[in-house]
Amino acid sequence: MTVRLKDFYADWCGPCKTQDPILEELEADYEDVEFEKVDVDQEQDIANQYQVRSLPTLVIENDDGVVDRFVGVTQREDIEEALQAAGA
């Protein structure tokens, strides 16, 4: 099963910059998870598809669809729990 984490961000978003190091650590530790950064200013259609209204927004999905979603800066432990629930 494929597990994906989509990170919806913008370059001007201060909290997004706080979230980045947490995601970089997770990406190094979870090699089987696909991490995707989505710049909402460049890819508004994808942001609209996932109904992103605030930044940062993290969407965790697997082959069955969206498993979890976080809005705002999210701690590593919460993201790890959701990744494991998704099958990572």
PDB file of N, CA and C in Angstrom:
ATOM      1  N   MET A   1       0.850  -1.179   0.000  1.00  0.00           N
ATOM      2  CA  MET A   1       0.000   0.000   0.000  1.00  0.00           C
ATOM      3  C   MET A   1       0.896   1.243   0.000  1.00  0.00           C
ATOM      4  N   THR A   2       0.546   2.178  -0.832  1.00  0.00           N
ATOM      5  CA  THR A   2       1.301   3.431  -0.924  1.00  0.00           C
ATOM      6  C   THR A   2       0.741   4.442   0.068  1.00  0.00           C
ATOM      7  N   VAL A   3       1.637   5.038   0.844  1.00  0.00           N
ATOM      8  CA  VAL A   3       1.242   6.097   1.780  1.00  0.00           C
ATOM      9  C   VAL A   3       1.879   7.391   1.310  1.00  0.00           C
ATOM     10  N   ARG A   4       1.063   8.445   1.242  1.00  0.00           N
ATOM     11  CA  ARG A   4       1.533   9.751   0.790  1.00  0.00           C
ATOM     12  C   ARG A   4       1.233  10.804   1.847  1.00  0.00           C
ATOM     13  N   LEU A   5       2.156  11.750   1.979  1.00  0.00           N
ATOM     14  CA  LEU A   5       1.929  12.922   2.822  1.00  0.00           C
ATOM     15  C   LEU A   5       2.067  14.143   1.933  1.00  0.00           C
ATOM     16  N   LYS A   6       0.976  14.875   1.789  1.00  0.00           N
ATOM     17  CA  LYS A   6       0.995  16.109   0.994  1.00  0.00           C
ATOM     18  C   LYS A   6       1.110  17.287   1.964  1.00  0.00           C
ATOM     19  N   ASP A   7       2.113  18.109   1.740  1.00  0.00           N
ATOM     20  CA  ASP A   7       2.369  19.293   2.564  1.00  0.00           C
ATOM     21  C   ASP A   7       1.964  20.515   1.761  1.00  0.00           C
ATOM     22  N   PHE A   8       0.821  21.107   2.115  1.00  0.00           N
ATOM     23  CA  PHE A   8       0.359  22.321   1.444  1.00  0.00           C
ATOM     24  C   PHE A   8       0.960  23.518   2.165  1.00  0.00           C
ATOM     25  N   TYR A   9       1.709  24.338   1.415  1.00  0.00           N
ATOM     26  CA  TYR A   9       2.462  25.438   2.010  1.00  0.00           C
ATOM     27  C   TYR A   9       2.503  26.620   1.043  1.00  0.00           C
ATOM     28  N   ALA A  10       3.078  27.727   1.532  1.00  0.00           N
ATOM     29  CA  ALA A  10       3.388  28.885   0.689  1.00  0.00           C
ATOM     30  C   ALA A  10       4.697  29.473   1.205  1.00  0.00           C
ATOM     31  N   ASP A  11       5.464  30.070   0.306  1.00  0.00           N
ATOM     32  CA  ASP A  11       6.761  30.640   0.687  1.00  0.00           C
ATOM     33  C   ASP A  11       6.620  31.749   1.724  1.00  0.00           C
ATOM     34  N   TRP A  12       5.508  32.470   1.727  1.00  0.00           N
ATOM     35  CA  TRP A  12       5.293  33.590   2.637  1.00  0.00           C
ATOM     36  C   TRP A  12       4.738  33.164   3.995  1.00  0.00           C
ATOM     37  N   CYS A  13       4.490  31.870   4.174  1.00  0.00           N
ATOM     38  CA  CYS A  13       3.833  31.349   5.378  1.00  0.00           C
ATOM     39  C   CYS A  13       4.856  31.036   6.474  1.00  0.00           C
ATOM     40  N   GLY A  14       4.843  31.839   7.558  1.00  0.00           N
ATOM     41  CA  GLY A  14       5.768  31.623   8.672  1.00  0.00           C
ATOM     42  C   GLY A  14       5.602  30.273   9.349  1.00  0.00           C
ATOM     43  N   PRO A  15       4.376  29.857   9.699  1.00  0.00           N
ATOM     44  CA  PRO A  15       4.204  28.546  10.317  1.00  0.00           C
ATOM     45  C   PRO A  15       4.667  27.391   9.417  1.00  0.00           C
ATOM     46  N   CYS A  16       4.585  27.583   8.104  1.00  0.00           N
ATOM     47  CA  CYS A  16       5.066  26.545   7.178  1.00  0.00           C
ATOM     48  C   CYS A  16       6.569  26.333   7.365  1.00  0.00           C
ATOM     49  N   LYS A  17       7.288  27.417   7.597  1.00  0.00           N
ATOM     50  CA  LYS A  17       8.734  27.310   7.814  1.00  0.00           C
ATOM     51  C   LYS A  17       9.038  26.589   9.129  1.00  0.00           C
ATOM     52  N   THR A  18       8.172  26.721  10.115  1.00  0.00           N
ATOM     53  CA  THR A  18       8.308  25.988  11.373  1.00  0.00           C
ATOM     54  C   THR A  18       8.048  24.500  11.143  1.00  0.00           C
ATOM     55  N   GLN A  19       7.116  24.172  10.261  1.00  0.00           N
ATOM     56  CA  GLN A  19       6.756  22.777   9.985  1.00  0.00           C
ATOM     57  C   GLN A  19       7.835  22.054   9.185  1.00  0.00           C
ATOM     58  N   ASP A  20       8.564  22.773   8.338  1.00  0.00           N
ATOM     59  CA  ASP A  20       9.533  22.154   7.427  1.00  0.00           C
ATOM     60  C   ASP A  20      10.541  21.217   8.096  1.00  0.00           C
ATOM     61  N   PRO A  21      11.238  21.620   9.172  1.00  0.00           N
ATOM     62  CA  PRO A  21      12.242  20.710   9.749  1.00  0.00           C
ATOM     63  C   PRO A  21      11.635  19.416  10.281  1.00  0.00           C
ATOM     64  N   ILE A  22      10.409  19.487  10.780  1.00  0.00           N
ATOM     65  CA  ILE A  22       9.740  18.279  11.269  1.00  0.00           C
ATOM     66  C   ILE A  22       9.498  17.325  10.101  1.00  0.00           C
ATOM     67  N   LEU A  23       9.027  17.862   8.982  1.00  0.00           N
ATOM     68  CA  LEU A  23       8.757  17.031   7.816  1.00  0.00           C
ATOM     69  C   LEU A  23      10.048  16.473   7.214  1.00  0.00           C
ATOM     70  N   GLU A  24      11.109  17.261   7.230  1.00  0.00           N
ATOM     71  CA  GLU A  24      12.389  16.778   6.708  1.00  0.00           C
ATOM     72  C   GLU A  24      12.903  15.597   7.523  1.00  0.00           C
ATOM     73  N   GLU A  25      12.758  15.654   8.846  1.00  0.00           N
ATOM     74  CA  GLU A  25      13.164  14.534   9.696  1.00  0.00           C
ATOM     75  C   GLU A  25      12.325  13.298   9.396  1.00  0.00           C
ATOM     76  N   LEU A  26      11.017  13.491   9.261  1.00  0.00           N
ATOM     77  CA  LEU A  26      10.138  12.360   8.968  1.00  0.00           C
ATOM     78  C   LEU A  26      10.458  11.736   7.620  1.00  0.00           C
ATOM     79  N   GLU A  27      10.741  12.574   6.649  1.00  0.00           N
ATOM     80  CA  GLU A  27      11.060  12.067   5.308  1.00  0.00           C
ATOM     81  C   GLU A  27      12.314  11.195   5.345  1.00  0.00           C
ATOM     82  N   ALA A  28      13.273  11.570   6.164  1.00  0.00           N
ATOM     83  CA  ALA A  28      14.505  10.778   6.297  1.00  0.00           C
ATOM     84  C   ALA A  28      14.218   9.443   6.989  1.00  0.00           C
ATOM     85  N   ASP A  29      13.268   9.438   7.918  1.00  0.00           N
ATOM     86  CA  ASP A  29      12.973   8.230   8.691  1.00  0.00           C
ATOM     87  C   ASP A  29      11.964   7.298   8.025  1.00  0.00           C
ATOM     88  N   TYR A  30      11.118   7.831   7.168  1.00  0.00           N
ATOM     89  CA  TYR A  30      10.060   7.040   6.530  1.00  0.00           C
ATOM     90  C   TYR A  30      10.308   6.995   5.019  1.00  0.00           C
ATOM     91  N   GLU A  31      11.231   6.161   4.616  1.00  0.00           N
ATOM     92  CA  GLU A  31      11.596   6.079   3.201  1.00  0.00           C
ATOM     93  C   GLU A  31      10.485   5.493   2.337  1.00  0.00           C
ATOM     94  N   ASP A  32       9.561   4.757   2.949  1.00  0.00           N
ATOM     95  CA  ASP A  32       8.478   4.132   2.186  1.00  0.00           C
ATOM     96  C   ASP A  32       7.278   5.061   1.994  1.00  0.00           C
ATOM     97  N   VAL A  33       7.338   6.258   2.566  1.00  0.00           N
ATOM     98  CA  VAL A  33       6.253   7.231   2.423  1.00  0.00           C
ATOM     99  C   VAL A  33       6.637   8.247   1.346  1.00  0.00           C
ATOM    100  N   GLU A  34       5.687   8.549   0.466  1.00  0.00           N
ATOM    101  CA  GLU A  34       5.911   9.575  -0.554  1.00  0.00           C
ATOM    102  C   GLU A  34       5.560  10.933   0.035  1.00  0.00           C
ATOM    103  N   PHE A  35       6.536  11.822   0.106  1.00  0.00           N
ATOM    104  CA  PHE A  35       6.321  13.179   0.600  1.00  0.00           C
ATOM    105  C   PHE A  35       6.206  14.114  -0.596  1.00  0.00           C
ATOM    106  N   GLU A  36       5.178  14.932  -0.598  1.00  0.00           N
ATOM    107  CA  GLU A  36       4.962  15.861  -1.705  1.00  0.00           C
ATOM    108  C   GLU A  36       4.671  17.253  -1.150  1.00  0.00           C
ATOM    109  N   LYS A  37       5.435  18.231  -1.591  1.00  0.00           N
ATOM    110  CA  LYS A  37       5.195  19.620  -1.209  1.00  0.00           C
ATOM    111  C   LYS A  37       4.341  20.257  -2.296  1.00  0.00           C
ATOM    112  N   VAL A  38       3.259  20.906  -1.875  1.00  0.00           N
ATOM    113  CA  VAL A  38       2.355  21.553  -2.814  1.00  0.00           C
ATOM    114  C   VAL A  38       2.307  23.042  -2.475  1.00  0.00           C
ATOM    115  N   ASP A  39       2.886  23.855  -3.340  1.00  0.00           N
ATOM    116  CA  ASP A  39       2.866  25.310  -3.182  1.00  0.00           C
ATOM    117  C   ASP A  39       1.490  25.809  -3.617  1.00  0.00           C
ATOM    118  N   VAL A  40       0.697  26.275  -2.653  1.00  0.00           N
ATOM    119  CA  VAL A  40      -0.684  26.652  -2.965  1.00  0.00           C
ATOM    120  C   VAL A  40      -0.775  27.843  -3.911  1.00  0.00           C
ATOM    121  N   ASP A  41       0.259  28.666  -3.952  1.00  0.00           N
ATOM    122  CA  ASP A  41       0.249  29.785  -4.889  1.00  0.00           C
ATOM    123  C   ASP A  41       0.469  29.315  -6.321  1.00  0.00           C
ATOM    124  N   GLN A  42       1.208  28.238  -6.498  1.00  0.00           N
ATOM    125  CA  GLN A  42       1.504  27.712  -7.825  1.00  0.00           C
ATOM    126  C   GLN A  42       0.494  26.644  -8.270  1.00  0.00           C
ATOM    127  N   GLU A  43      -0.098  25.958  -7.305  1.00  0.00           N
ATOM    128  CA  GLU A  43      -0.967  24.818  -7.637  1.00  0.00           C
ATOM    129  C   GLU A  43      -2.313  24.957  -6.932  1.00  0.00           C
ATOM    130  N   GLN A  44      -2.993  26.047  -7.263  1.00  0.00           N
ATOM    131  CA  GLN A  44      -4.273  26.333  -6.616  1.00  0.00           C
ATOM    132  C   GLN A  44      -5.322  25.266  -6.899  1.00  0.00           C
ATOM    133  N   ASP A  45      -5.244  24.635  -8.067  1.00  0.00           N
ATOM    134  CA  ASP A  45      -6.232  23.614  -8.403  1.00  0.00           C
ATOM    135  C   ASP A  45      -6.126  22.413  -7.459  1.00  0.00           C
ATOM    136  N   ILE A  46      -4.912  22.009  -7.120  1.00  0.00           N
ATOM    137  CA  ILE A  46      -4.734  20.884  -6.188  1.00  0.00           C
ATOM    138  C   ILE A  46      -5.182  21.299  -4.791  1.00  0.00           C
ATOM    139  N   ALA A  47      -4.824  22.524  -4.380  1.00  0.00           N
ATOM    140  CA  ALA A  47      -5.245  23.022  -3.071  1.00  0.00           C
ATOM    141  C   ALA A  47      -6.772  23.059  -2.981  1.00  0.00           C
ATOM    142  N   ASN A  48      -7.433  23.477  -4.041  1.00  0.00           N
ATOM    143  CA  ASN A  48      -8.898  23.505  -4.051  1.00  0.00           C
ATOM    144  C   ASN A  48      -9.478  22.098  -4.002  1.00  0.00           C
ATOM    145  N   GLN A  49      -8.855  21.180  -4.718  1.00  0.00           N
ATOM    146  CA  GLN A  49      -9.323  19.791  -4.725  1.00  0.00           C
ATOM    147  C   GLN A  49      -9.317  19.212  -3.309  1.00  0.00           C
ATOM    148  N   TYR A  50      -8.297  19.568  -2.524  1.00  0.00           N
ATOM    149  CA  TYR A  50      -8.179  19.068  -1.143  1.00  0.00           C
ATOM    150  C   TYR A  50      -8.801  20.036  -0.137  1.00  0.00           C
ATOM    151  N   GLN A  51      -9.482  21.053  -0.610  1.00  0.00           N
ATOM    152  CA  GLN A  51     -10.185  22.032   0.217  1.00  0.00           C
ATOM    153  C   GLN A  51      -9.278  22.648   1.278  1.00  0.00           C
ATOM    154  N   VAL A  52      -8.091  23.071   0.850  1.00  0.00           N
ATOM    155  CA  VAL A  52      -7.133  23.702   1.753  1.00  0.00           C
ATOM    156  C   VAL A  52      -7.548  25.152   1.960  1.00  0.00           C
ATOM    157  N   ARG A  53      -7.767  25.531   3.216  1.00  0.00           N
ATOM    158  CA  ARG A  53      -8.190  26.887   3.555  1.00  0.00           C
ATOM    159  C   ARG A  53      -7.185  27.605   4.446  1.00  0.00           C
ATOM    160  N   SER A  54      -6.325  26.850   5.126  1.00  0.00           N
ATOM    161  CA  SER A  54      -5.324  27.418   6.026  1.00  0.00           C
ATOM    162  C   SER A  54      -3.998  26.706   5.817  1.00  0.00           C
ATOM    163  N   LEU A  55      -2.923  27.402   6.182  1.00  0.00           N
ATOM    164  CA  LEU A  55      -1.586  26.837   6.006  1.00  0.00           C
ATOM    165  C   LEU A  55      -0.852  26.817   7.337  1.00  0.00           C
ATOM    166  N   PRO A  56       0.031  25.841   7.508  1.00  0.00           N
ATOM    167  CA  PRO A  56       0.204  24.663   6.660  1.00  0.00           C
ATOM    168  C   PRO A  56      -0.937  23.663   6.857  1.00  0.00           C
ATOM    169  N   THR A  57      -1.216  22.906   5.816  1.00  0.00           N
ATOM    170  CA  THR A  57      -2.147  21.786   5.892  1.00  0.00           C
ATOM    171  C   THR A  57      -1.404  20.544   5.430  1.00  0.00           C
ATOM    172  N   LEU A  58      -1.507  19.484   6.219  1.00  0.00           N
ATOM    173  CA  LEU A  58      -0.908  18.199   5.866  1.00  0.00           C
ATOM    174  C   LEU A  58      -2.039  17.216   5.611  1.00  0.00           C
ATOM    175  N   VAL A  59      -1.945  16.491   4.500  1.00  0.00           N
ATOM    176  CA  VAL A  59      -2.935  15.473   4.174  1.00  0.00           C
ATOM    177  C   VAL A  59      -2.191  14.155   4.037  1.00  0.00           C
ATOM    178  N   ILE A  60      -2.631  13.159   4.794  1.00  0.00           N
ATOM    179  CA  ILE A  60      -2.037  11.826   4.719  1.00  0.00           C
ATOM    180  C   ILE A  60      -3.062  10.925   4.061  1.00  0.00           C
ATOM    181  N   GLU A  61      -2.622  10.245   3.008  1.00  0.00           N
ATOM    182  CA  GLU A  61      -3.527   9.362   2.283  1.00  0.00           C
ATOM    183  C   GLU A  61      -2.831   8.073   1.909  1.00  0.00           C
ATOM    184  N   ASN A  62      -3.656   7.066   1.659  1.00  0.00           N
ATOM    185  CA  ASN A  62      -3.132   5.802   1.138  1.00  0.00           C
ATOM    186  C   ASN A  62      -4.011   5.401  -0.044  1.00  0.00           C
ATOM    187  N   ASP A  63      -3.909   4.156  -0.473  1.00  0.00           N
ATOM    188  CA  ASP A  63      -4.651   3.724  -1.657  1.00  0.00           C
ATOM    189  C   ASP A  63      -6.163   3.831  -1.475  1.00  0.00           C
ATOM    190  N   ASP A  64      -6.622   3.859  -0.225  1.00  0.00           N
ATOM    191  CA  ASP A  64      -8.058   3.945   0.056  1.00  0.00           C
ATOM    192  C   ASP A  64      -8.566   5.381   0.099  1.00  0.00           C
ATOM    193  N   GLY A  65      -7.658   6.364   0.097  1.00  0.00           N
ATOM    194  CA  GLY A  65      -8.065   7.767   0.149  1.00  0.00           C
ATOM    195  C   GLY A  65      -7.433   8.485   1.330  1.00  0.00           C
ATOM    196  N   VAL A  66      -8.015   9.613   1.707  1.00  0.00           N
ATOM    197  CA  VAL A  66      -7.476  10.434   2.791  1.00  0.00           C
ATOM    198  C   VAL A  66      -7.688   9.716   4.121  1.00  0.00           C
ATOM    199  N   VAL A  67      -6.604   9.575   4.879  1.00  0.00           N
ATOM    200  CA  VAL A  67      -6.645   8.911   6.183  1.00  0.00           C
ATOM    201  C   VAL A  67      -6.694   9.940   7.308  1.00  0.00           C
ATOM    202  N   ASP A  68      -5.945  11.024   7.151  1.00  0.00           N
ATOM    203  CA  ASP A  68      -5.900  12.046   8.192  1.00  0.00           C
ATOM    204  C   ASP A  68      -5.514  13.378   7.586  1.00  0.00           C
ATOM    205  N   ARG A  69      -5.779  14.437   8.334  1.00  0.00           N
ATOM    206  CA  ARG A  69      -5.500  15.790   7.858  1.00  0.00           C
ATOM    207  C   ARG A  69      -5.203  16.654   9.082  1.00  0.00           C
ATOM    208  N   PHE A  70      -4.185  17.491   8.943  1.00  0.00           N
ATOM    209  CA  PHE A  70      -3.787  18.387  10.022  1.00  0.00           C
ATOM    210  C   PHE A  70      -3.720  19.811   9.482  1.00  0.00           C
ATOM    211  N   VAL A  71      -4.205  20.757  10.264  1.00  0.00           N
ATOM    212  CA  VAL A  71      -4.145  22.165   9.896  1.00  0.00           C
ATOM    213  C   VAL A  71      -3.354  22.886  10.974  1.00  0.00           C
ATOM    214  N   GLY A  72      -2.362  23.667  10.554  1.00  0.00           N
ATOM    215  CA  GLY A  72      -1.485  24.336  11.498  1.00  0.00           C
ATOM    216  C   GLY A  72      -0.240  23.500  11.738  1.00  0.00           C
ATOM    217  N   VAL A  73       0.692  24.063  12.481  1.00  0.00           N
ATOM    218  CA  VAL A  73       1.939  23.341  12.770  1.00  0.00           C
ATOM    219  C   VAL A  73       1.591  22.109  13.595  1.00  0.00           C
ATOM    220  N   THR A  74       2.057  20.955  13.130  1.00  0.00           N
ATOM    221  CA  THR A  74       1.726  19.677  13.757  1.00  0.00           C
ATOM    222  C   THR A  74       2.996  19.015  14.265  1.00  0.00           C
ATOM    223  N   GLN A  75       2.933  18.474  15.468  1.00  0.00           N
ATOM    224  CA  GLN A  75       4.092  17.827  16.085  1.00  0.00           C
ATOM    225  C   GLN A  75       4.383  16.486  15.423  1.00  0.00           C
ATOM    226  N   ARG A  76       5.635  16.119  15.469  1.00  0.00           N
ATOM    227  CA  ARG A  76       6.111  14.887  14.848  1.00  0.00           C
ATOM    228  C   ARG A  76       5.312  13.665  15.317  1.00  0.00           C
ATOM    229  N   GLU A  77       5.062  13.568  16.622  1.00  0.00           N
ATOM    230  CA  GLU A  77       4.386  12.389  17.169  1.00  0.00           C
ATOM    231  C   GLU A  77       2.997  12.201  16.554  1.00  0.00           C
ATOM    232  N   ASP A  78       2.286  13.295  16.357  1.00  0.00           N
ATOM    233  CA  ASP A  78       0.946  13.216  15.775  1.00  0.00           C
ATOM    234  C   ASP A  78       1.004  12.766  14.318  1.00  0.00           C
ATOM    235  N   ILE A  79       1.990  13.266  13.586  1.00  0.00           N
ATOM    236  CA  ILE A  79       2.138  12.880  12.176  1.00  0.00           C
ATOM    237  C   ILE A  79       2.530  11.407  12.091  1.00  0.00           C
ATOM    238  N   GLU A  80       3.468  10.979  12.947  1.00  0.00           N
ATOM    239  CA  GLU A  80       3.887   9.571  12.936  1.00  0.00           C
ATOM    240  C   GLU A  80       2.730   8.635  13.218  1.00  0.00           C
ATOM    241  N   GLU A  81       1.892   9.001  14.179  1.00  0.00           N
ATOM    242  CA  GLU A  81       0.725   8.179  14.516  1.00  0.00           C
ATOM    243  C   GLU A  81      -0.183   8.029  13.297  1.00  0.00           C
ATOM    244  N   ALA A  82      -0.405   9.124  12.579  1.00  0.00           N
ATOM    245  CA  ALA A  82      -1.266   9.089  11.392  1.00  0.00           C
ATOM    246  C   ALA A  82      -0.618   8.294  10.260  1.00  0.00           C
ATOM    247  N   LEU A  83       0.701   8.421  10.097  1.00  0.00           N
ATOM    248  CA  LEU A  83       1.390   7.652   9.067  1.00  0.00           C
ATOM    249  C   LEU A  83       1.285   6.156   9.346  1.00  0.00           C
ATOM    250  N   GLN A  84       1.431   5.774  10.596  1.00  0.00           N
ATOM    251  CA  GLN A  84       1.329   4.366  10.950  1.00  0.00           C
ATOM    252  C   GLN A  84      -0.093   3.862  10.748  1.00  0.00           C
ATOM    253  N   ALA A  85      -1.086   4.682  11.085  1.00  0.00           N
ATOM    254  CA  ALA A  85      -2.477   4.293  10.862  1.00  0.00           C
ATOM    255  C   ALA A  85      -2.780   4.110   9.379  1.00  0.00           C
ATOM    256  N   ALA A  86      -2.056   4.879   8.544  1.00  0.00           N
ATOM    257  CA  ALA A  86      -2.256   4.795   7.091  1.00  0.00           C
ATOM    258  C   ALA A  86      -1.561   3.585   6.474  1.00  0.00           C
ATOM    259  N   GLY A  87      -0.679   2.946   7.255  1.00  0.00           N
ATOM    260  CA  GLY A  87      -0.008   1.754   6.744  1.00  0.00           C
ATOM    261  C   GLY A  87       1.477   1.916   6.507  1.00  0.00           C
ATOM    262  N   ALA A  88       2.074   2.995   6.975  1.00  0.00           N
ATOM    263  CA  ALA A  88       3.519   3.214   6.791  1.00  0.00           C
ATOM    264  C   ALA A  88       4.295   2.387   7.807  1.00  0.00           C
TER     265      ALA A  88
END
